[in-house]
């Protein structure tokens, strides 16, 4: 099983965190320059990556804030046996 790389969102703005994710998944061509008000669109594009679509990552629509969703993703990727949120 392949293990994903998800940067901890703490201490980041959405723009800096999403830039790190774009770099980490450059082969999947995530769109760069997404603003925080469109964070759910960016999150949906991440869910299209096979690694994440097969990891029970929660839907972004279940969260009001980008960093809460990103923290849930980090928790799932780092501990796939943990209860799923969202």
N, C-alpha and C. Protein backbone atom coordinates (compact mmCIF):
# COMPACT_ATOMS: atom_id res chain seq x y z
N UNK A 1 0.85 -1.18 0.00
CA UNK A 1 0.00 0.00 0.00
C UNK A 1 0.89 1.24 0.00
N UNK A 2 0.53 2.18 -0.82
CA UNK A 2 1.29 3.42 -0.92
C UNK A 2 0.85 4.39 0.18
N UNK A 3 1.81 5.06 0.77
CA UNK A 3 1.51 6.02 1.82
C UNK A 3 1.61 7.41 1.25
N UNK A 4 0.59 8.21 1.51
CA UNK A 4 0.55 9.56 0.98
C UNK A 4 1.34 10.54 1.83
N UNK A 5 1.63 11.66 1.23
CA UNK A 5 2.29 12.75 1.93
C UNK A 5 1.28 13.87 2.05
N UNK A 6 0.95 14.23 3.27
CA UNK A 6 0.05 15.36 3.51
C UNK A 6 0.73 16.23 4.56
N UNK A 7 0.98 17.46 4.19
CA UNK A 7 1.63 18.38 5.12
C UNK A 7 0.65 18.80 6.22
N UNK A 8 1.17 18.91 7.43
CA UNK A 8 0.38 19.38 8.56
C UNK A 8 -0.01 20.84 8.28
N UNK A 9 -1.30 21.16 8.33
CA UNK A 9 -1.72 22.51 8.00
C UNK A 9 -1.46 23.55 9.08
N UNK A 10 -1.14 23.09 10.28
CA UNK A 10 -0.91 24.05 11.36
C UNK A 10 0.23 24.99 11.01
N UNK A 11 0.01 26.28 11.21
CA UNK A 11 1.03 27.27 10.94
C UNK A 11 1.08 27.72 9.48
N UNK A 12 0.18 27.20 8.67
CA UNK A 12 0.14 27.57 7.25
C UNK A 12 -1.12 28.36 6.93
N UNK A 13 -1.00 29.22 5.95
CA UNK A 13 -2.20 29.77 5.32
C UNK A 13 -2.67 28.72 4.32
N UNK A 14 -3.88 28.87 3.83
CA UNK A 14 -4.33 27.93 2.81
C UNK A 14 -3.41 27.96 1.60
N UNK A 15 -3.02 29.16 1.21
CA UNK A 15 -2.19 29.31 0.02
C UNK A 15 -0.84 28.60 0.17
N UNK A 16 -0.22 28.70 1.34
CA UNK A 16 1.08 28.03 1.51
C UNK A 16 0.91 26.52 1.60
N UNK A 17 -0.13 26.06 2.29
CA UNK A 17 -0.37 24.62 2.42
C UNK A 17 -0.71 24.02 1.06
N UNK A 18 -1.59 24.66 0.33
CA UNK A 18 -1.98 24.11 -0.98
C UNK A 18 -0.79 24.12 -1.95
N UNK A 19 0.08 25.10 -1.84
CA UNK A 19 1.28 25.12 -2.69
C UNK A 19 2.18 23.92 -2.39
N UNK A 20 2.31 23.57 -1.12
CA UNK A 20 3.09 22.39 -0.75
C UNK A 20 2.46 21.12 -1.32
N UNK A 21 1.14 21.04 -1.28
CA UNK A 21 0.45 19.87 -1.80
C UNK A 21 0.57 19.79 -3.33
N UNK A 22 0.50 20.94 -3.99
CA UNK A 22 0.70 20.98 -5.45
C UNK A 22 2.09 20.46 -5.79
N UNK A 23 3.08 20.88 -5.03
CA UNK A 23 4.45 20.42 -5.27
C UNK A 23 4.58 18.92 -5.00
N UNK A 24 4.00 18.45 -3.91
CA UNK A 24 4.12 17.04 -3.55
C UNK A 24 3.44 16.13 -4.57
N UNK A 25 2.39 16.61 -5.19
CA UNK A 25 1.64 15.80 -6.15
C UNK A 25 1.69 16.43 -7.54
N UNK A 26 2.87 16.89 -7.93
CA UNK A 26 3.05 17.57 -9.22
C UNK A 26 2.60 16.69 -10.39
N UNK A 27 2.83 15.40 -10.29
CA UNK A 27 2.45 14.50 -11.39
C UNK A 27 0.94 14.47 -11.61
N UNK A 28 0.16 14.80 -10.58
CA UNK A 28 -1.29 14.80 -10.70
C UNK A 28 -1.84 16.15 -11.16
N UNK A 29 -0.97 17.11 -11.33
CA UNK A 29 -1.31 18.42 -11.88
C UNK A 29 -2.44 19.13 -11.13
N UNK A 30 -2.33 19.16 -9.81
CA UNK A 30 -3.26 19.97 -9.02
C UNK A 30 -3.10 21.42 -9.41
N UNK A 31 -4.18 22.15 -9.40
CA UNK A 31 -4.12 23.55 -9.82
C UNK A 31 -3.49 24.41 -8.74
N UNK A 32 -2.54 25.23 -9.15
CA UNK A 32 -1.86 26.13 -8.24
C UNK A 32 -2.57 27.48 -8.23
N UNK A 33 -2.42 28.21 -7.14
CA UNK A 33 -2.97 29.55 -7.07
C UNK A 33 -4.43 29.62 -6.66
N UNK A 34 -4.96 28.53 -6.11
CA UNK A 34 -6.33 28.54 -5.63
C UNK A 34 -6.38 29.38 -4.36
N UNK A 35 -7.38 30.22 -4.23
CA UNK A 35 -7.51 31.06 -3.04
C UNK A 35 -8.36 30.34 -2.00
N UNK A 36 -8.24 30.81 -0.77
CA UNK A 36 -8.92 30.15 0.35
C UNK A 36 -10.42 30.04 0.16
N UNK A 37 -11.04 31.01 -0.49
CA UNK A 37 -12.48 30.94 -0.68
C UNK A 37 -12.90 29.81 -1.62
N UNK A 38 -11.94 29.22 -2.33
CA UNK A 38 -12.20 28.08 -3.22
C UNK A 38 -11.54 26.79 -2.71
N UNK A 39 -11.32 26.74 -1.40
CA UNK A 39 -10.59 25.60 -0.84
C UNK A 39 -11.30 24.28 -1.10
N UNK A 40 -12.63 24.28 -1.11
CA UNK A 40 -13.34 23.02 -1.34
C UNK A 40 -13.12 22.49 -2.75
N UNK A 41 -12.96 23.38 -3.71
CA UNK A 41 -12.64 22.95 -5.07
C UNK A 41 -11.27 22.26 -5.10
N UNK A 42 -10.31 22.86 -4.40
CA UNK A 42 -8.98 22.27 -4.33
C UNK A 42 -9.05 20.90 -3.64
N UNK A 43 -9.80 20.83 -2.55
CA UNK A 43 -9.94 19.57 -1.81
C UNK A 43 -10.56 18.49 -2.70
N UNK A 44 -11.56 18.86 -3.48
CA UNK A 44 -12.18 17.90 -4.40
C UNK A 44 -11.16 17.40 -5.41
N UNK A 45 -10.29 18.27 -5.88
CA UNK A 45 -9.27 17.83 -6.84
C UNK A 45 -8.29 16.86 -6.18
N UNK A 46 -8.02 17.06 -4.90
CA UNK A 46 -7.17 16.10 -4.19
C UNK A 46 -7.86 14.74 -4.09
N UNK A 47 -9.17 14.75 -3.89
CA UNK A 47 -9.92 13.49 -3.78
C UNK A 47 -9.90 12.71 -5.09
N UNK A 48 -9.61 13.37 -6.19
CA UNK A 48 -9.53 12.69 -7.48
C UNK A 48 -8.23 11.90 -7.63
N UNK A 49 -7.25 12.16 -6.77
CA UNK A 49 -6.00 11.41 -6.79
C UNK A 49 -6.27 10.04 -6.20
N UNK A 50 -5.89 9.00 -6.94
CA UNK A 50 -6.22 7.63 -6.54
C UNK A 50 -5.82 7.30 -5.11
N UNK A 51 -4.65 7.74 -4.70
CA UNK A 51 -4.18 7.47 -3.34
C UNK A 51 -5.20 7.96 -2.31
N UNK A 52 -5.75 9.15 -2.53
CA UNK A 52 -6.70 9.71 -1.58
C UNK A 52 -8.11 9.16 -1.78
N UNK A 53 -8.49 8.90 -3.00
CA UNK A 53 -9.84 8.38 -3.24
C UNK A 53 -10.01 6.99 -2.65
N UNK A 54 -8.89 6.28 -2.48
CA UNK A 54 -8.93 4.94 -1.90
C UNK A 54 -8.65 4.95 -0.40
N UNK A 55 -8.60 6.13 0.22
CA UNK A 55 -8.22 6.23 1.64
C UNK A 55 -9.33 6.74 2.54
N UNK A 56 -10.55 6.74 2.08
CA UNK A 56 -11.69 7.20 2.88
C UNK A 56 -11.51 8.61 3.40
N UNK A 57 -10.93 9.47 2.58
CA UNK A 57 -10.78 10.87 2.93
C UNK A 57 -12.17 11.50 2.96
N UNK A 58 -12.48 12.29 3.98
CA UNK A 58 -13.83 12.87 4.09
C UNK A 58 -14.10 13.92 3.02
N UNK A 59 -15.35 14.08 2.70
CA UNK A 59 -15.76 15.11 1.75
C UNK A 59 -15.53 16.49 2.35
N UNK A 60 -14.99 17.40 1.59
CA UNK A 60 -14.76 18.74 2.12
C UNK A 60 -16.04 19.46 2.52
N UNK A 61 -17.14 19.11 1.92
CA UNK A 61 -18.42 19.76 2.26
C UNK A 61 -18.85 19.48 3.70
N UNK A 62 -18.21 18.51 4.34
CA UNK A 62 -18.51 18.20 5.74
C UNK A 62 -17.80 19.15 6.71
N UNK A 63 -16.99 20.05 6.18
CA UNK A 63 -16.19 20.95 7.01
C UNK A 63 -16.42 22.39 6.59
N UNK A 64 -16.38 23.29 7.57
CA UNK A 64 -16.54 24.71 7.28
C UNK A 64 -15.21 25.38 6.98
N UNK A 65 -14.13 24.85 7.54
CA UNK A 65 -12.82 25.47 7.39
C UNK A 65 -11.86 24.51 6.72
N UNK A 66 -11.01 25.06 5.86
CA UNK A 66 -10.06 24.24 5.12
C UNK A 66 -9.12 23.49 6.03
N UNK A 67 -8.65 24.18 7.11
CA UNK A 67 -7.65 23.54 7.96
C UNK A 67 -8.23 22.40 8.78
N UNK A 68 -9.52 22.45 9.09
CA UNK A 68 -10.15 21.33 9.80
C UNK A 68 -10.20 20.10 8.89
N UNK A 69 -10.52 20.33 7.61
CA UNK A 69 -10.53 19.23 6.64
C UNK A 69 -9.11 18.68 6.47
N UNK A 70 -8.14 19.58 6.31
CA UNK A 70 -6.75 19.16 6.11
C UNK A 70 -6.23 18.36 7.31
N UNK A 71 -6.59 18.78 8.52
CA UNK A 71 -6.18 18.04 9.72
C UNK A 71 -6.80 16.65 9.73
N UNK A 72 -8.06 16.54 9.29
CA UNK A 72 -8.70 15.22 9.21
C UNK A 72 -7.97 14.35 8.20
N UNK A 73 -7.56 14.92 7.08
CA UNK A 73 -6.82 14.18 6.07
C UNK A 73 -5.49 13.70 6.63
N UNK A 74 -4.77 14.58 7.32
CA UNK A 74 -3.50 14.19 7.94
C UNK A 74 -3.72 13.02 8.90
N UNK A 75 -4.74 13.11 9.73
CA UNK A 75 -5.01 12.04 10.70
C UNK A 75 -5.32 10.72 10.01
N UNK A 76 -6.05 10.76 8.92
CA UNK A 76 -6.39 9.52 8.22
C UNK A 76 -5.17 8.94 7.53
N UNK A 77 -4.39 9.78 6.88
CA UNK A 77 -3.21 9.30 6.18
C UNK A 77 -2.18 8.74 7.17
N UNK A 78 -2.03 9.41 8.31
CA UNK A 78 -1.06 8.97 9.30
C UNK A 78 -1.54 7.81 10.15
N UNK A 79 -2.85 7.62 10.24
CA UNK A 79 -3.42 6.55 11.06
C UNK A 79 -4.65 6.00 10.35
N UNK A 80 -4.45 5.19 9.31
CA UNK A 80 -5.60 4.73 8.52
C UNK A 80 -6.60 3.88 9.28
N UNK A 81 -6.25 3.39 10.46
CA UNK A 81 -7.19 2.59 11.24
C UNK A 81 -8.08 3.45 12.13
N UNK A 82 -7.83 4.76 12.17
CA UNK A 82 -8.62 5.66 13.03
C UNK A 82 -10.03 5.79 12.48
N UNK A 83 -11.00 6.13 13.36
CA UNK A 83 -12.37 6.36 12.89
C UNK A 83 -12.40 7.50 11.88
N UNK A 84 -13.23 7.36 10.87
CA UNK A 84 -13.33 8.36 9.82
C UNK A 84 -14.25 9.49 10.21
N UNK A 85 -13.90 10.71 9.81
CA UNK A 85 -14.72 11.89 10.07
C UNK A 85 -15.43 12.29 8.80
N UNK A 86 -16.52 13.05 8.96
CA UNK A 86 -17.19 13.62 7.79
C UNK A 86 -18.17 12.74 7.20
